[in-house]
Amino acid sequence: MGVLKTMNKINYDGRVFRVVKTSDEGDVDADTRFYYRQSGNIVTADYHGGDIIVGHMIAICDAKENLQMRYHHVNRSGQLMTGTCHTVPEILPDGRLRLHETWQWTSGNLASGTSVLEEIAQ
């Protein structure tokens, strides 16, 4: 199976993000870190911290550089949570990325919400 190729100006590979804002229905918080990787238009991430013990995300990066993702994690309450997310990137003046997310749980109470993540300068 080959990797799909895109000509996007944004490459998510090697970027690290933190939550700066999220809806009350979410499990992530300012202590959660997201470690992104990208190969072609396939984007993955591992995440943990705060109320998240371990989590994983997989996404397709479209021609507008938006991410259509699925995620799952185990929280500190021992719950296995799953969901979907649509992410729209914003390039900040200093070149870092800000991610605007609209998500919905596919487990638990099926709540939905929004989050904003910002890249941590390295």
PDB file of N, CA and C in Angstrom:
ATOM      1  N   MET A   1       0.849  -1.171   0.000  1.00  0.00           N
ATOM      2  CA  MET A   1       0.000   0.000   0.000  1.00  0.00           C
ATOM      3  C   MET A   1       0.895   1.234   0.000  1.00  0.00           C
ATOM      4  N   GLY A   2       0.702   2.132  -0.939  1.00  0.00           N
ATOM      5  CA  GLY A   2       1.539   3.316  -1.053  1.00  0.00           C
ATOM      6  C   GLY A   2       1.000   4.489  -0.262  1.00  0.00           C
ATOM      7  N   VAL A   3       1.878   5.449  -0.038  1.00  0.00           N
ATOM      8  CA  VAL A   3       1.511   6.684   0.645  1.00  0.00           C
ATOM      9  C   VAL A   3       0.995   7.668  -0.397  1.00  0.00           C
ATOM     10  N   LEU A   4      -0.130   8.299  -0.103  1.00  0.00           N
ATOM     11  CA  LEU A   4      -0.665   9.306  -1.002  1.00  0.00           C
ATOM     12  C   LEU A   4       0.201  10.558  -0.944  1.00  0.00           C
ATOM     13  N   LYS A   5       0.456  11.185  -2.068  1.00  0.00           N
ATOM     14  CA  LYS A   5       1.312  12.372  -2.129  1.00  0.00           C
ATOM     15  C   LYS A   5       0.475  13.630  -2.258  1.00  0.00           C
ATOM     16  N   THR A   6       0.909  14.678  -1.573  1.00  0.00           N
ATOM     17  CA  THR A   6       0.264  15.980  -1.699  1.00  0.00           C
ATOM     18  C   THR A   6       1.339  17.048  -1.834  1.00  0.00           C
ATOM     19  N   MET A   7       0.944  18.228  -2.259  1.00  0.00           N
ATOM     20  CA  MET A   7       1.871  19.343  -2.431  1.00  0.00           C
ATOM     21  C   MET A   7       1.522  20.465  -1.450  1.00  0.00           C
ATOM     22  N   ASN A   8       1.202  20.120  -0.233  1.00  0.00           N
ATOM     23  CA  ASN A   8       0.815  21.105   0.770  1.00  0.00           C
ATOM     24  C   ASN A   8       2.011  21.918   1.234  1.00  0.00           C
ATOM     25  N   LYS A   9       1.745  23.161   1.643  1.00  0.00           N
ATOM     26  CA  LYS A   9       2.812  23.994   2.197  1.00  0.00           C
ATOM     27  C   LYS A   9       3.007  23.723   3.686  1.00  0.00           C
ATOM     28  N   ILE A  10       2.016  23.126   4.328  1.00  0.00           N
ATOM     29  CA  ILE A  10       2.136  22.775   5.742  1.00  0.00           C
ATOM     30  C   ILE A  10       2.566  21.319   5.842  1.00  0.00           C
ATOM     31  N   ASN A  11       3.579  21.078   6.652  1.00  0.00           N
ATOM     32  CA  ASN A  11       3.979  19.720   6.985  1.00  0.00           C
ATOM     33  C   ASN A  11       3.871  19.603   8.494  1.00  0.00           C
ATOM     34  N   TYR A  12       3.074  18.663   8.956  1.00  0.00           N
ATOM     35  CA  TYR A  12       2.838  18.478  10.385  1.00  0.00           C
ATOM     36  C   TYR A  12       3.935  17.663  11.060  1.00  0.00           C
ATOM     37  N   ASP A  13       4.818  17.052  10.277  1.00  0.00           N
ATOM     38  CA  ASP A  13       5.815  16.127  10.812  1.00  0.00           C
ATOM     39  C   ASP A  13       6.746  16.789  11.830  1.00  0.00           C
ATOM     40  N   GLY A  14       6.855  16.170  12.999  1.00  0.00           N
ATOM     41  CA  GLY A  14       7.771  16.644  14.041  1.00  0.00           C
ATOM     42  C   GLY A  14       7.243  17.788  14.887  1.00  0.00           C
ATOM     43  N   ARG A  15       6.038  18.232  14.643  1.00  0.00           N
ATOM     44  CA  ARG A  15       5.481  19.348  15.417  1.00  0.00           C
ATOM     45  C   ARG A  15       4.839  18.839  16.710  1.00  0.00           C
ATOM     46  N   VAL A  16       4.936  19.661  17.751  1.00  0.00           N
ATOM     47  CA  VAL A  16       4.361  19.335  19.058  1.00  0.00           C
ATOM     48  C   VAL A  16       3.362  20.436  19.411  1.00  0.00           C
ATOM     49  N   PHE A  17       2.174  20.024  19.872  1.00  0.00           N
ATOM     50  CA  PHE A  17       1.105  20.976  20.179  1.00  0.00           C
ATOM     51  C   PHE A  17       0.635  20.827  21.616  1.00  0.00           C
ATOM     52  N   ARG A  18       0.068  21.915  22.138  1.00  0.00           N
ATOM     53  CA  ARG A  18      -0.564  21.912  23.453  1.00  0.00           C
ATOM     54  C   ARG A  18      -1.924  22.572  23.324  1.00  0.00           C
ATOM     55  N   VAL A  19      -2.821  22.243  24.236  1.00  0.00           N
ATOM     56  CA  VAL A  19      -4.172  22.802  24.237  1.00  0.00           C
ATOM     57  C   VAL A  19      -4.130  24.201  24.851  1.00  0.00           C
ATOM     58  N   VAL A  20      -4.751  25.173  24.171  1.00  0.00           N
ATOM     59  CA  VAL A  20      -4.888  26.511  24.744  1.00  0.00           C
ATOM     60  C   VAL A  20      -6.341  26.832  25.090  1.00  0.00           C
ATOM     61  N   LYS A  21      -7.270  26.047  24.522  1.00  0.00           N
ATOM     62  CA  LYS A  21      -8.689  26.255  24.817  1.00  0.00           C
ATOM     63  C   LYS A  21      -9.441  24.991  24.397  1.00  0.00           C
ATOM     64  N   THR A  22     -10.415  24.579  25.230  1.00  0.00           N
ATOM     65  CA  THR A  22     -11.239  23.433  24.857  1.00  0.00           C
ATOM     66  C   THR A  22     -12.583  23.506  25.566  1.00  0.00           C
ATOM     67  N   SER A  23     -13.552  22.849  24.980  1.00  0.00           N
ATOM     68  CA  SER A  23     -14.889  22.765  25.573  1.00  0.00           C
ATOM     69  C   SER A  23     -14.846  21.911  26.835  1.00  0.00           C
ATOM     70  N   ASP A  24     -15.785  22.143  27.722  1.00  0.00           N
ATOM     71  CA  ASP A  24     -15.858  21.392  28.982  1.00  0.00           C
ATOM     72  C   ASP A  24     -16.032  19.893  28.768  1.00  0.00           C
ATOM     73  N   GLU A  25     -16.617  19.488  27.649  1.00  0.00           N
ATOM     74  CA  GLU A  25     -16.894  18.078  27.387  1.00  0.00           C
ATOM     75  C   GLU A  25     -15.642  17.294  26.993  1.00  0.00           C
ATOM     76  N   GLY A  26     -14.515  17.980  26.777  1.00  0.00           N
ATOM     77  CA  GLY A  26     -13.292  17.310  26.342  1.00  0.00           C
ATOM     78  C   GLY A  26     -12.493  16.726  27.495  1.00  0.00           C
ATOM     79  N   ASP A  27     -11.593  15.789  27.175  1.00  0.00           N
ATOM     80  CA  ASP A  27     -10.703  15.176  28.159  1.00  0.00           C
ATOM     81  C   ASP A  27      -9.330  15.834  28.199  1.00  0.00           C
ATOM     82  N   VAL A  28      -8.921  16.499  27.120  1.00  0.00           N
ATOM     83  CA  VAL A  28      -7.585  17.090  27.054  1.00  0.00           C
ATOM     84  C   VAL A  28      -7.548  18.418  27.799  1.00  0.00           C
ATOM     85  N   ASP A  29      -6.332  18.819  28.204  1.00  0.00           N
ATOM     86  CA  ASP A  29      -6.160  20.098  28.894  1.00  0.00           C
ATOM     87  C   ASP A  29      -4.770  20.653  28.596  1.00  0.00           C
ATOM     88  N   ALA A  30      -4.387  21.720  29.273  1.00  0.00           N
ATOM     89  CA  ALA A  30      -3.120  22.402  28.998  1.00  0.00           C
ATOM     90  C   ALA A  30      -1.900  21.521  29.244  1.00  0.00           C
ATOM     91  N   ASP A  31      -2.054  20.425  29.991  1.00  0.00           N
ATOM     92  CA  ASP A  31      -0.939  19.512  30.254  1.00  0.00           C
ATOM     93  C   ASP A  31      -0.827  18.399  29.219  1.00  0.00           C
ATOM     94  N   THR A  32      -1.765  18.318  28.284  1.00  0.00           N
ATOM     95  CA  THR A  32      -1.727  17.299  27.239  1.00  0.00           C
ATOM     96  C   THR A  32      -0.813  17.774  26.106  1.00  0.00           C
ATOM     97  N   ARG A  33       0.070  16.886  25.650  1.00  0.00           N
ATOM     98  CA  ARG A  33       0.964  17.184  24.532  1.00  0.00           C
ATOM     99  C   ARG A  33       0.667  16.224  23.387  1.00  0.00           C
ATOM    100  N   PHE A  34       0.677  16.770  22.166  1.00  0.00           N
ATOM    101  CA  PHE A  34       0.396  16.028  20.947  1.00  0.00           C
ATOM    102  C   PHE A  34       1.657  16.029  20.095  1.00  0.00           C
ATOM    103  N   TYR A  35       2.136  14.860  19.705  1.00  0.00           N
ATOM    104  CA  TYR A  35       3.377  14.696  18.944  1.00  0.00           C
ATOM    105  C   TYR A  35       3.016  14.186  17.549  1.00  0.00           C
ATOM    106  N   TYR A  36       3.060  15.084  16.562  1.00  0.00           N
ATOM    107  CA  TYR A  36       2.592  14.799  15.206  1.00  0.00           C
ATOM    108  C   TYR A  36       3.696  14.238  14.318  1.00  0.00           C
ATOM    109  N   ARG A  37       3.259  13.362  13.385  1.00  0.00           N
ATOM    110  CA  ARG A  37       4.113  12.836  12.322  1.00  0.00           C
ATOM    111  C   ARG A  37       3.302  12.881  11.022  1.00  0.00           C
ATOM    112  N   GLN A  38       4.001  12.994   9.904  1.00  0.00           N
ATOM    113  CA  GLN A  38       3.306  13.040   8.615  1.00  0.00           C
ATOM    114  C   GLN A  38       4.117  12.303   7.573  1.00  0.00           C
ATOM    115  N   SER A  39       3.406  11.532   6.740  1.00  0.00           N
ATOM    116  CA  SER A  39       3.986  10.862   5.579  1.00  0.00           C
ATOM    117  C   SER A  39       2.989  11.031   4.444  1.00  0.00           C
ATOM    118  N   GLY A  40       3.349  11.822   3.437  1.00  0.00           N
ATOM    119  CA  GLY A  40       2.394  12.154   2.384  1.00  0.00           C
ATOM    120  C   GLY A  40       1.232  12.904   2.983  1.00  0.00           C
ATOM    121  N   ASN A  41       0.023  12.451   2.714  1.00  0.00           N
ATOM    122  CA  ASN A  41      -1.133  13.145   3.294  1.00  0.00           C
ATOM    123  C   ASN A  41      -1.689  12.413   4.525  1.00  0.00           C
ATOM    124  N   ILE A  42      -0.936  11.464   5.043  1.00  0.00           N
ATOM    125  CA  ILE A  42      -1.348  10.748   6.254  1.00  0.00           C
ATOM    126  C   ILE A  42      -0.643  11.366   7.457  1.00  0.00           C
ATOM    127  N   VAL A  43      -1.432  11.799   8.421  1.00  0.00           N
ATOM    128  CA  VAL A  43      -0.913  12.441   9.629  1.00  0.00           C
ATOM    129  C   VAL A  43      -1.313  11.581  10.826  1.00  0.00           C
ATOM    130  N   THR A  44      -0.356  11.325  11.711  1.00  0.00           N
ATOM    131  CA  THR A  44      -0.636  10.583  12.938  1.00  0.00           C
ATOM    132  C   THR A  44      -0.089  11.379  14.116  1.00  0.00           C
ATOM    133  N   ALA A  45      -0.575  11.044  15.299  1.00  0.00           N
ATOM    134  CA  ALA A  45      -0.049  11.674  16.507  1.00  0.00           C
ATOM    135  C   ALA A  45      -0.244  10.737  17.687  1.00  0.00           C
ATOM    136  N   ASP A  46       0.694  10.814  18.605  1.00  0.00           N
ATOM    137  CA  ASP A  46       0.554  10.223  19.928  1.00  0.00           C
ATOM    138  C   ASP A  46       0.317  11.380  20.872  1.00  0.00           C
ATOM    139  N   TYR A  47      -0.487  11.179  21.903  1.00  0.00           N
ATOM    140  CA  TYR A  47      -0.704  12.241  22.874  1.00  0.00           C
ATOM    141  C   TYR A  47      -0.886  11.666  24.264  1.00  0.00           C
ATOM    142  N   HIS A  48      -0.509  12.479  25.244  1.00  0.00           N
ATOM    143  CA  HIS A  48      -0.632  12.084  26.650  1.00  0.00           C
ATOM    144  C   HIS A  48      -0.412  13.314  27.518  1.00  0.00           C
ATOM    145  N   GLY A  49      -0.719  13.160  28.799  1.00  0.00           N
ATOM    146  CA  GLY A  49      -0.545  14.247  29.763  1.00  0.00           C
ATOM    147  C   GLY A  49      -1.880  14.734  30.289  1.00  0.00           C
ATOM    148  N   GLY A  50      -1.840  15.327  31.475  1.00  0.00           N
ATOM    149  CA  GLY A  50      -3.080  15.767  32.101  1.00  0.00           C
ATOM    150  C   GLY A  50      -3.937  14.557  32.410  1.00  0.00           C
ATOM    151  N   ASP A  51      -5.174  14.566  31.946  1.00  0.00           N
ATOM    152  CA  ASP A  51      -6.096  13.450  32.193  1.00  0.00           C
ATOM    153  C   ASP A  51      -5.952  12.307  31.198  1.00  0.00           C
ATOM    154  N   ILE A  52      -5.022  12.412  30.261  1.00  0.00           N
ATOM    155  CA  ILE A  52      -4.842  11.383  29.240  1.00  0.00           C
ATOM    156  C   ILE A  52      -3.629  10.521  29.581  1.00  0.00           C
ATOM    157  N   ILE A  53      -3.853   9.209  29.728  1.00  0.00           N
ATOM    158  CA  ILE A  53      -2.732   8.288  29.964  1.00  0.00           C
ATOM    159  C   ILE A  53      -2.004   8.024  28.653  1.00  0.00           C
ATOM    160  N   VAL A  54      -2.756   7.635  27.630  1.00  0.00           N
ATOM    161  CA  VAL A  54      -2.177   7.391  26.309  1.00  0.00           C
ATOM    162  C   VAL A  54      -3.259   7.583  25.259  1.00  0.00           C
ATOM    163  N   GLY A  55      -2.885   8.208  24.138  1.00  0.00           N
ATOM    164  CA  GLY A  55      -3.826   8.420  23.048  1.00  0.00           C
ATOM    165  C   GLY A  55      -3.137   8.385  21.702  1.00  0.00           C
ATOM    166  N   HIS A  56      -3.936   8.104  20.665  1.00  0.00           N
ATOM    167  CA  HIS A  56      -3.436   8.035  19.297  1.00  0.00           C
ATOM    168  C   HIS A  56      -4.452   8.688  18.370  1.00  0.00           C
ATOM    169  N   MET A  57      -3.938   9.288  17.293  1.00  0.00           N
ATOM    170  CA  MET A  57      -4.771   9.957  16.305  1.00  0.00           C
ATOM    171  C   MET A  57      -4.258   9.581  14.920  1.00  0.00           C
ATOM    172  N   ILE A  58      -5.183   9.427  13.962  1.00  0.00           N
ATOM    173  CA  ILE A  58      -4.818   9.254  12.562  1.00  0.00           C
ATOM    174  C   ILE A  58      -5.721  10.158  11.736  1.00  0.00           C
ATOM    175  N   ALA A  59      -5.136  10.775  10.704  1.00  0.00           N
ATOM    176  CA  ALA A  59      -5.894  11.738   9.910  1.00  0.00           C
ATOM    177  C   ALA A  59      -5.433  11.721   8.458  1.00  0.00           C
ATOM    178  N   ILE A  60      -6.305  12.232   7.622  1.00  0.00           N
ATOM    179  CA  ILE A  60      -5.981  12.507   6.222  1.00  0.00           C
ATOM    180  C   ILE A  60      -5.918  14.027   6.079  1.00  0.00           C
ATOM    181  N   CYS A  61      -4.839  14.509   5.486  1.00  0.00           N
ATOM    182  CA  CYS A  61      -4.667  15.935   5.216  1.00  0.00           C
ATOM    183  C   CYS A  61      -5.180  16.208   3.804  1.00  0.00           C
ATOM    184  N   ASP A  62      -6.205  17.074   3.701  1.00  0.00           N
ATOM    185  CA  ASP A  62      -6.798  17.334   2.391  1.00  0.00           C
ATOM    186  C   ASP A  62      -6.043  18.438   1.645  1.00  0.00           C
ATOM    187  N   ALA A  63      -6.512  18.782   0.455  1.00  0.00           N
ATOM    188  CA  ALA A  63      -5.842  19.774  -0.387  1.00  0.00           C
ATOM    189  C   ALA A  63      -5.802  21.160   0.247  1.00  0.00           C
ATOM    190  N   LYS A  64      -6.708  21.439   1.193  1.00  0.00           N
ATOM    191  CA  LYS A  64      -6.710  22.728   1.897  1.00  0.00           C
ATOM    192  C   LYS A  64      -5.923  22.655   3.205  1.00  0.00           C
ATOM    193  N   GLU A  65      -5.265  21.512   3.433  1.00  0.00           N
ATOM    194  CA  GLU A  65      -4.427  21.263   4.611  1.00  0.00           C
ATOM    195  C   GLU A  65      -5.231  21.068   5.895  1.00  0.00           C
ATOM    196  N   ASN A  66      -6.531  20.867   5.751  1.00  0.00           N
ATOM    197  CA  ASN A  66      -7.374  20.506   6.892  1.00  0.00           C
ATOM    198  C   ASN A  66      -7.174  19.032   7.196  1.00  0.00           C
ATOM    199  N   LEU A  67      -7.416  18.660   8.437  1.00  0.00           N
ATOM    200  CA  LEU A  67      -7.282  17.264   8.849  1.00  0.00           C
ATOM    201  C   LEU A  67      -8.653  16.679   9.167  1.00  0.00           C
ATOM    202  N   GLN A  68      -8.929  15.518   8.600  1.00  0.00           N
ATOM    203  CA  GLN A  68     -10.103  14.725   8.946  1.00  0.00           C
ATOM    204  C   GLN A  68      -9.576  13.556   9.765  1.00  0.00           C
ATOM    205  N   MET A  69      -9.864  13.543  11.071  1.00  0.00           N
ATOM    206  CA  MET A  69      -9.193  12.584  11.937  1.00  0.00           C
ATOM    207  C   MET A  69     -10.140  11.724  12.748  1.00  0.00           C
ATOM    208  N   ARG A  70      -9.554  10.655  13.240  1.00  0.00           N
ATOM    209  CA  ARG A  70     -10.163   9.765  14.219  1.00  0.00           C
ATOM    210  C   ARG A  70      -9.163   9.639  15.357  1.00  0.00           C
ATOM    211  N   TYR A  71      -9.661   9.563  16.573  1.00  0.00           N
ATOM    212  CA  TYR A  71      -8.759   9.460  17.721  1.00  0.00           C
ATOM    213  C   TYR A  71      -9.330   8.514  18.763  1.00  0.00           C
ATOM    214  N   HIS A  72      -8.426   8.003  19.590  1.00  0.00           N
ATOM    215  CA  HIS A  72      -8.837   7.189  20.731  1.00  0.00           C
ATOM    216  C   HIS A  72      -7.801   7.363  21.834  1.00  0.00           C
ATOM    217  N   HIS A  73      -8.271   7.292  23.080  1.00  0.00           N
ATOM    218  CA  HIS A  73      -7.359   7.386  24.216  1.00  0.00           C
ATOM    219  C   HIS A  73      -7.965   6.738  25.450  1.00  0.00           C
ATOM    220  N   VAL A  74      -7.086   6.512  26.425  1.00  0.00           N
ATOM    221  CA  VAL A  74      -7.518   6.051  27.737  1.00  0.00           C
ATOM    222  C   VAL A  74      -7.263   7.195  28.700  1.00  0.00           C
ATOM    223  N   ASN A  75      -8.309   7.585  29.443  1.00  0.00           N
ATOM    224  CA  ASN A  75      -8.151   8.696  30.386  1.00  0.00           C
ATOM    225  C   ASN A  75      -7.850   8.168  31.791  1.00  0.00           C
ATOM    226  N   ARG A  76      -7.574   9.069  32.705  1.00  0.00           N
ATOM    227  CA  ARG A  76      -7.198   8.684  34.077  1.00  0.00           C
ATOM    228  C   ARG A  76      -8.332   7.985  34.835  1.00  0.00           C
ATOM    229  N   SER A  77      -9.564   8.100  34.329  1.00  0.00           N
ATOM    230  CA  SER A  77     -10.693   7.377  34.919  1.00  0.00           C
ATOM    231  C   SER A  77     -10.755   5.938  34.413  1.00  0.00           C
ATOM    232  N   GLY A  78      -9.842   5.582  33.498  1.00  0.00           N
ATOM    233  CA  GLY A  78      -9.812   4.232  32.954  1.00  0.00           C
ATOM    234  C   GLY A  78     -10.770   3.999  31.808  1.00  0.00           C
ATOM    235  N   GLN A  79     -11.344   5.074  31.265  1.00  0.00           N
ATOM    236  CA  GLN A  79     -12.284   4.955  30.152  1.00  0.00           C
ATOM    237  C   GLN A  79     -11.537   4.959  28.823  1.00  0.00           C
ATOM    238  N   LEU A  80     -11.952   4.096  27.909  1.00  0.00           N
ATOM    239  CA  LEU A  80     -11.475   4.115  26.534  1.00  0.00           C
ATOM    240  C   LEU A  80     -12.432   5.006  25.755  1.00  0.00           C
ATOM    241  N   MET A  81     -11.922   6.139  25.268  1.00  0.00           N
ATOM    242  CA  MET A  81     -12.742   7.125  24.579  1.00  0.00           C
ATOM    243  C   MET A  81     -12.342   7.192  23.108  1.00  0.00           C
ATOM    244  N   THR A  82     -13.334   7.395  22.228  1.00  0.00           N
ATOM    245  CA  THR A  82     -13.081   7.502  20.796  1.00  0.00           C
ATOM    246  C   THR A  82     -13.842   8.698  20.236  1.00  0.00           C
ATOM    247  N   GLY A  83     -13.342   9.218  19.110  1.00  0.00           N
ATOM    248  CA  GLY A  83     -14.034  10.345  18.512  1.00  0.00           C
ATOM    249  C   GLY A  83     -13.535  10.689  17.127  1.00  0.00           C
ATOM    250  N   THR A  84     -14.202  11.680  16.546  1.00  0.00           N
ATOM    251  CA  THR A  84     -13.839  12.223  15.243  1.00  0.00           C
ATOM    252  C   THR A  84     -13.556  13.712  15.403  1.00  0.00           C
ATOM    253  N   CYS A  85     -12.763  14.243  14.482  1.00  0.00           N
ATOM    254  CA  CYS A  85     -12.386  15.654  14.581  1.00  0.00           C
ATOM    255  C   CYS A  85     -12.101  16.216  13.196  1.00  0.00           C
ATOM    256  N   HIS A  86     -12.508  17.452  12.974  1.00  0.00           N
ATOM    257  CA  HIS A  86     -12.150  18.220  11.781  1.00  0.00           C
ATOM    258  C   HIS A  86     -11.258  19.365  12.262  1.00  0.00           C
ATOM    259  N   THR A  87     -10.055  19.447  11.708  1.00  0.00           N
ATOM    260  CA  THR A  87      -9.073  20.437  12.142  1.00  0.00           C
ATOM    261  C   THR A  87      -8.709  21.377  11.000  1.00  0.00           C
ATOM    262  N   VAL A  88      -8.751  22.671  11.281  1.00  0.00           N
ATOM    263  CA  VAL A  88      -8.366  23.701  10.315  1.00  0.00           C
ATOM    264  C   VAL A  88      -7.119  24.401  10.865  1.00  0.00           C
ATOM    265  N   PRO A  89      -6.000  24.353  10.114  1.00  0.00           N
ATOM    266  CA  PRO A  89      -4.771  24.992  10.598  1.00  0.00           C
ATOM    267  C   PRO A  89      -4.741  26.484  10.296  1.00  0.00           C
ATOM    268  N   GLU A  90      -4.055  27.204  11.148  1.00  0.00           N
ATOM    269  CA  GLU A  90      -3.784  28.632  10.950  1.00  0.00           C
ATOM    270  C   GLU A  90      -2.282  28.821  11.138  1.00  0.00           C
ATOM    271  N   ILE A  91      -1.637  29.490  10.185  1.00  0.00           N
ATOM    272  CA  ILE A  91      -0.208  29.773  10.315  1.00  0.00           C
ATOM    273  C   ILE A  91      -0.065  31.101  11.046  1.00  0.00           C
ATOM    274  N   LEU A  92       0.592  31.056  12.201  1.00  0.00           N
ATOM    275  CA  LEU A  92       0.796  32.259  13.004  1.00  0.00           C
ATOM    276  C   LEU A  92       1.935  33.095  12.414  1.00  0.00           C
ATOM    277  N   PRO A  93       2.010  34.382  12.746  1.00  0.00           N
ATOM    278  CA  PRO A  93       3.053  35.256  12.184  1.00  0.00           C
ATOM    279  C   PRO A  93       4.476  34.729  12.408  1.00  0.00           C
ATOM    280  N   ASP A  94       4.697  34.000  13.498  1.00  0.00           N
ATOM    281  CA  ASP A  94       6.045  33.474  13.769  1.00  0.00           C
ATOM    282  C   ASP A  94       6.291  32.112  13.120  1.00  0.00           C
ATOM    283  N   GLY A  95       5.335  31.637  12.298  1.00  0.00           N
ATOM    284  CA  GLY A  95       5.502  30.383  11.578  1.00  0.00           C
ATOM    285  C   GLY A  95       4.951  29.158  12.299  1.00  0.00           C
ATOM    286  N   ARG A  96       4.607  29.297  13.582  1.00  0.00           N
ATOM    287  CA  ARG A  96       3.999  28.177  14.305  1.00  0.00           C
ATOM    288  C   ARG A  96       2.576  27.962  13.803  1.00  0.00           C
ATOM    289  N   LEU A  97       2.015  26.809  14.123  1.00  0.00           N
ATOM    290  CA  LEU A  97       0.645  26.512  13.734  1.00  0.00           C
ATOM    291  C   LEU A  97      -0.302  26.614  14.918  1.00  0.00           C
ATOM    292  N   ARG A  98      -1.501  27.075  14.628  1.00  0.00           N
ATOM    293  CA  ARG A  98      -2.622  27.030  15.568  1.00  0.00           C
ATOM    294  C   ARG A  98      -3.676  26.148  14.894  1.00  0.00           C
ATOM    295  N   LEU A  99      -4.195  25.171  15.630  1.00  0.00           N
ATOM    296  CA  LEU A  99      -5.175  24.239  15.089  1.00  0.00           C
ATOM    297  C   LEU A  99      -6.546  24.509  15.696  1.00  0.00           C
ATOM    298  N   HIS A 100      -7.527  24.744  14.849  1.00  0.00           N
ATOM    299  CA  HIS A 100      -8.904  24.982  15.272  1.00  0.00           C
ATOM    300  C   HIS A 100      -9.672  23.684  15.030  1.00  0.00           C
ATOM    301  N   GLU A 101     -10.127  23.054  16.115  1.00  0.00           N
ATOM    302  CA  GLU A 101     -10.725  21.732  16.028  1.00  0.00           C
ATOM    303  C   GLU A 101     -12.206  21.741  16.391  1.00  0.00           C
ATOM    304  N   THR A 102     -12.969  20.993  15.619  1.00  0.00           N
ATOM    305  CA  THR A 102     -14.372  20.713  15.928  1.00  0.00           C
ATOM    306  C   THR A 102     -14.469  19.197  16.039  1.00  0.00           C
ATOM    307  N   TRP A 103     -14.870  18.717  17.212  1.00  0.00           N
ATOM    308  CA  TRP A 103     -14.808  17.275  17.469  1.00  0.00           C
ATOM    309  C   TRP A 103     -16.127  16.750  18.031  1.00  0.00           C
ATOM    310  N   GLN A 104     -16.256  15.421  17.956  1.00  0.00           N
ATOM    311  CA  GLN A 104     -17.412  14.748  18.551  1.00  0.00           C
ATOM    312  C   GLN A 104     -16.984  13.375  19.038  1.00  0.00           C
ATOM    313  N   TRP A 105     -17.418  13.078  20.257  1.00  0.00           N
ATOM    314  CA  TRP A 105     -17.190  11.740  20.801  1.00  0.00           C
ATOM    315  C   TRP A 105     -18.031  10.736  20.023  1.00  0.00           C
ATOM    316  N   THR A 106     -17.444   9.544  19.787  1.00  0.00           N
ATOM    317  CA  THR A 106     -18.199   8.422  19.242  1.00  0.00           C
ATOM    318  C   THR A 106     -18.378   7.361  20.329  1.00  0.00           C
ATOM    319  N   SER A 107     -18.041   7.731  21.551  1.00  0.00           N
ATOM    320  CA  SER A 107     -18.236   6.880  22.723  1.00  0.00           C
ATOM    321  C   SER A 107     -18.758   7.761  23.855  1.00  0.00           C
ATOM    322  N   GLY A 108     -19.062   7.140  24.976  1.00  0.00           N
ATOM    323  CA  GLY A 108     -19.552   7.919  26.119  1.00  0.00           C
ATOM    324  C   GLY A 108     -20.864   8.610  25.808  1.00  0.00           C
ATOM    325  N   ASN A 109     -20.931   9.900  26.137  1.00  0.00           N
ATOM    326  CA  ASN A 109     -22.190  10.642  25.977  1.00  0.00           C
ATOM    327  C   ASN A 109     -22.383  11.245  24.582  1.00  0.00           C
ATOM    328  N   LEU A 110     -21.459  10.998  23.661  1.00  0.00           N
ATOM    329  CA  LEU A 110     -21.531  11.471  22.270  1.00  0.00           C
ATOM    330  C   LEU A 110     -21.529  12.996  22.157  1.00  0.00           C
ATOM    331  N   ALA A 111     -21.035  13.676  23.180  1.00  0.00           N
ATOM    332  CA  ALA A 111     -20.981  15.145  23.174  1.00  0.00           C
ATOM    333  C   ALA A 111     -20.037  15.639  22.074  1.00  0.00           C
ATOM    334  N   SER A 112     -20.179  16.906  21.740  1.00  0.00           N
ATOM    335  CA  SER A 112     -19.301  17.541  20.760  1.00  0.00           C
ATOM    336  C   SER A 112     -18.754  18.835  21.354  1.00  0.00           C
ATOM    337  N   GLY A 113     -17.730  19.368  20.704  1.00  0.00           N
ATOM    338  CA  GLY A 113     -17.141  20.602  21.196  1.00  0.00           C
ATOM    339  C   GLY A 113     -16.075  21.129  20.259  1.00  0.00           C
ATOM    340  N   THR A 114     -15.334  22.110  20.754  1.00  0.00           N
ATOM    341  CA  THR A 114     -14.245  22.714  19.985  1.00  0.00           C
ATOM    342  C   THR A 114     -13.008  22.799  20.863  1.00  0.00           C
ATOM    343  N   SER A 115     -11.864  22.824  20.203  1.00  0.00           N
ATOM    344  CA  SER A 115     -10.579  23.006  20.894  1.00  0.00           C
ATOM    345  C   SER A 115      -9.683  23.848  20.022  1.00  0.00           C
ATOM    346  N   VAL A 116      -8.722  24.512  20.662  1.00  0.00           N
ATOM    347  CA  VAL A 116      -7.661  25.228  19.955  1.00  0.00           C
ATOM    348  C   VAL A 116      -6.351  24.709  20.510  1.00  0.00           C
ATOM    349  N   LEU A 117      -5.476  24.264  19.607  1.00  0.00           N
ATOM    350  CA  LEU A 117      -4.135  23.820  19.974  1.00  0.00           C
ATOM    351  C   LEU A 117      -3.133  24.755  19.330  1.00  0.00           C
ATOM    352  N   GLU A 118      -2.011  24.985  20.012  1.00  0.00           N
ATOM    353  CA  GLU A 118      -0.930  25.773  19.421  1.00  0.00           C
ATOM    354  C   GLU A 118       0.363  24.994  19.479  1.00  0.00           C
ATOM    355  N   GLU A 119       1.147  25.169  18.429  1.00  0.00           N
ATOM    356  CA  GLU A 119       2.439  24.520  18.364  1.00  0.00           C
ATOM    357  C   GLU A 119       3.365  25.094  19.432  1.00  0.00           C
ATOM    358  N   ILE A 120       4.110  24.220  20.051  1.00  0.00           N
ATOM    359  CA  ILE A 120       5.114  24.627  21.030  1.00  0.00           C
ATOM    360  C   ILE A 120       6.390  24.921  20.264  1.00  0.00           C
ATOM    361  N   ALA A 121       6.939  26.117  20.445  1.00  0.00           N
ATOM    362  CA  ALA A 121       8.189  26.478  19.770  1.00  0.00           C
ATOM    363  C   ALA A 121       9.305  25.572  20.268  1.00  0.00           C
ATOM    364  N   GLN A 122      10.133  25.097  19.331  1.00  0.00           N
ATOM    365  CA  GLN A 122      11.210  24.187  19.712  1.00  0.00           C
ATOM    366  C   GLN A 122      12.551  24.782  19.407  1.00  0.00           C
TER     367      GLN A 122
END
